[in-house]
N, C-alpha and C. Protein backbone atom coordinates (compact mmCIF):
# COMPACT_ATOMS: atom_id res chain seq x y z
N MET A 1 323.66 64.83 -157.14
CA MET A 1 324.31 63.67 -156.77
C MET A 1 324.33 62.25 -158.40
N ALA A 2 324.88 61.74 -158.14
CA ALA A 2 325.45 60.73 -159.48
C ALA A 2 324.27 59.33 -158.58
N LYS A 3 323.64 58.74 -159.24
CA LYS A 3 322.82 57.66 -158.82
C LYS A 3 324.14 56.62 -158.72
N ARG A 4 324.01 55.74 -157.14
CA ARG A 4 325.09 54.51 -157.58
C ARG A 4 325.32 53.60 -158.56
N VAL A 5 325.87 52.66 -158.97
CA VAL A 5 326.28 52.05 -160.07
C VAL A 5 325.33 50.62 -159.57
N THR A 6 324.77 50.31 -159.87
CA THR A 6 324.61 48.34 -159.40
C THR A 6 325.33 47.56 -159.96
N PRO A 7 324.78 46.18 -159.17
CA PRO A 7 325.69 45.36 -159.95
C PRO A 7 324.60 44.66 -161.55
N GLY A 8 324.07 44.96 -161.54
CA GLY A 8 322.98 44.92 -162.60
C GLY A 8 323.67 45.35 -164.04
N GLU A 9 323.93 46.81 -163.20
CA GLU A 9 324.72 47.96 -164.43
C GLU A 9 325.87 47.57 -164.57
N ILE A 10 326.64 46.65 -163.93
CA ILE A 10 328.37 46.64 -164.09
C ILE A 10 328.30 45.43 -164.48
N VAL A 11 327.27 43.92 -164.42
CA VAL A 11 326.87 43.18 -165.87
C VAL A 11 327.02 43.84 -166.77
N GLN A 12 325.55 44.55 -167.02
CA GLN A 12 326.18 44.81 -168.56
C GLN A 12 326.43 45.78 -169.39
N MET A 13 327.77 47.11 -168.29
CA MET A 13 328.58 47.85 -169.07
C MET A 13 329.67 46.28 -169.37
N GLN A 14 329.97 45.52 -168.82
CA GLN A 14 331.09 44.18 -168.92
C GLN A 14 330.53 43.93 -170.97
N GLN A 15 328.67 43.91 -170.69
CA GLN A 15 328.85 43.04 -171.79
C GLN A 15 328.40 44.12 -172.96
N LEU A 16 328.01 45.80 -172.66
CA LEU A 16 328.17 46.67 -173.54
C LEU A 16 329.79 46.61 -174.09
N TYR A 17 330.78 46.89 -173.16
CA TYR A 17 331.85 46.66 -173.50
C TYR A 17 332.73 45.33 -174.68
N ALA A 18 332.06 44.15 -174.17
CA ALA A 18 332.14 43.52 -174.91
C ALA A 18 331.59 44.18 -177.11
N LYS A 19 330.58 44.51 -176.52
CA LYS A 19 330.06 44.39 -177.69
C LYS A 19 330.71 45.31 -178.72
N TYR A 20 330.87 46.54 -177.83
CA TYR A 20 331.23 48.24 -178.93
C TYR A 20 332.85 48.55 -178.82
N GLY A 21 333.46 47.47 -177.34
CA GLY A 21 335.11 47.90 -177.36
C GLY A 21 335.49 49.34 -176.78
N ASN A 22 334.49 49.71 -175.94
CA ASN A 22 334.69 52.00 -176.08
C ASN A 22 333.91 52.38 -174.70
N PHE A 23 334.61 52.74 -173.90
CA PHE A 23 334.30 53.46 -173.16
C PHE A 23 332.60 54.29 -173.05
N ALA A 24 333.32 54.95 -173.94
CA ALA A 24 332.45 56.43 -174.51
C ALA A 24 330.89 55.56 -174.55
N ALA A 25 331.20 54.67 -175.72
CA ALA A 25 330.07 54.85 -176.30
C ALA A 25 328.99 54.01 -175.76
N VAL A 26 329.67 52.61 -174.51
CA VAL A 26 328.77 52.11 -173.19
C VAL A 26 328.38 53.55 -172.61
N GLY A 27 329.24 54.02 -171.96
CA GLY A 27 328.72 55.77 -171.18
C GLY A 27 327.42 56.21 -171.60
N ARG A 28 327.73 56.21 -172.91
CA ARG A 28 325.96 57.12 -174.09
C ARG A 28 324.87 56.04 -173.98
N GLU A 29 325.29 55.20 -174.13
CA GLU A 29 323.84 54.02 -173.93
C GLU A 29 323.27 53.67 -172.62
N MET A 30 324.26 53.73 -171.52
CA MET A 30 323.83 53.75 -170.53
C MET A 30 323.56 54.88 -169.46
N GLY A 31 323.57 55.90 -170.19
CA GLY A 31 323.66 57.80 -168.96
C GLY A 31 324.98 57.63 -168.43
N ARG A 32 326.00 57.56 -169.11
CA ARG A 32 327.25 57.46 -167.35
C ARG A 32 328.19 57.82 -168.19
N SER A 33 328.87 57.87 -167.38
CA SER A 33 330.10 58.76 -168.23
C SER A 33 331.25 57.71 -168.62
N ALA A 34 332.19 58.09 -169.14
CA ALA A 34 332.79 56.96 -170.11
C ALA A 34 333.53 56.84 -168.33
N SER A 35 334.61 57.46 -167.96
CA SER A 35 334.91 57.70 -166.82
C SER A 35 334.78 56.03 -165.36
N THR A 36 333.28 56.70 -165.83
CA THR A 36 332.68 55.66 -165.32
C THR A 36 332.32 54.09 -165.13
N VAL A 37 332.53 54.42 -166.74
CA VAL A 37 332.32 52.81 -167.32
C VAL A 37 333.27 52.33 -167.21
N ALA A 38 334.53 53.23 -167.03
CA ALA A 38 336.34 52.03 -167.15
C ALA A 38 336.14 51.65 -165.68
N ARG A 39 336.48 52.08 -164.68
CA ARG A 39 336.75 52.31 -163.23
C ARG A 39 335.70 51.20 -163.43
N TYR A 40 334.02 50.14 -163.92
CA TYR A 40 333.67 49.20 -163.73
C TYR A 40 334.06 48.27 -164.61
N VAL A 41 334.30 48.40 -166.04
CA VAL A 41 334.92 47.16 -166.84
C VAL A 41 335.84 46.51 -166.01
N LYS A 42 337.38 47.65 -165.59
CA LYS A 42 338.05 47.17 -165.13
C LYS A 42 338.10 46.38 -164.24
N LEU A 43 337.50 47.48 -163.37
CA LEU A 43 336.97 46.84 -161.55
C LEU A 43 338.08 47.71 -160.56
N LYS A 44 338.37 48.64 -161.38
CA LYS A 44 339.88 49.49 -160.42
C LYS A 44 339.65 50.40 -159.72
N GLY A 45 339.70 50.01 -158.61
CA GLY A 45 339.08 51.23 -157.45
C GLY A 45 337.28 51.11 -157.48
N THR A 46 336.78 49.74 -157.40
CA THR A 46 336.08 50.06 -156.80
C THR A 46 335.73 49.47 -155.27
N PRO A 47 335.24 49.84 -154.27
CA PRO A 47 334.97 49.39 -153.26
C PRO A 47 334.93 47.37 -153.44
N PRO A 48 335.78 47.34 -152.17
CA PRO A 48 335.50 45.41 -152.03
C PRO A 48 334.54 45.04 -152.41
N ILE A 49 332.90 44.99 -151.98
CA ILE A 49 331.76 44.43 -151.52
C ILE A 49 331.68 44.49 -153.39
N VAL A 50 331.82 45.72 -153.73
CA VAL A 50 330.92 46.02 -155.22
C VAL A 50 331.65 44.51 -156.46
N ALA A 51 333.53 44.79 -156.01
CA ALA A 51 333.92 43.66 -157.00
C ALA A 51 333.48 42.25 -156.32
N HIS A 52 333.70 41.95 -155.21
CA HIS A 52 333.06 40.65 -154.69
C HIS A 52 331.85 39.98 -155.36
N THR A 53 330.64 41.41 -155.39
CA THR A 53 329.56 41.35 -155.88
C THR A 53 329.19 40.79 -157.08
N PHE A 54 329.89 41.70 -158.41
CA PHE A 54 329.83 41.57 -159.66
C PHE A 54 330.18 40.46 -160.11
N LYS A 55 331.47 39.61 -159.01
CA LYS A 55 331.62 38.22 -159.47
C LYS A 55 331.10 37.26 -159.06
N GLU A 56 329.86 37.29 -158.07
CA GLU A 56 328.97 36.29 -157.74
C GLU A 56 327.99 36.16 -159.19
N VAL A 57 327.37 38.00 -159.31
CA VAL A 57 326.42 37.76 -159.99
C VAL A 57 327.34 37.39 -161.74
N VAL A 58 328.36 37.46 -162.56
CA VAL A 58 328.96 36.69 -163.04
C VAL A 58 328.30 35.20 -163.03
N ARG A 59 329.80 34.55 -162.09
CA ARG A 59 329.39 33.22 -161.57
C ARG A 59 327.96 32.59 -161.52
N GLY A 60 327.12 33.48 -161.62
CA GLY A 60 325.84 32.80 -161.35
C GLY A 60 325.02 32.48 -162.47
N ALA A 61 325.25 33.71 -163.43
CA ALA A 61 324.52 33.72 -164.49
C ALA A 61 325.35 33.05 -166.07
């Protein structure tokens, strides 16, 4: 079973995606699949609490 994605990882995914512009490259660097990275970069299909937490983390940064 894969470990859960943390809010910190979501922020890191966003930052790395801005740098690389490629889900697969971010996934390789983070040890996650490209589809997982895409899901969290787009925040599609993520639980509402995760989306809310992400927005709070980004706002506080």
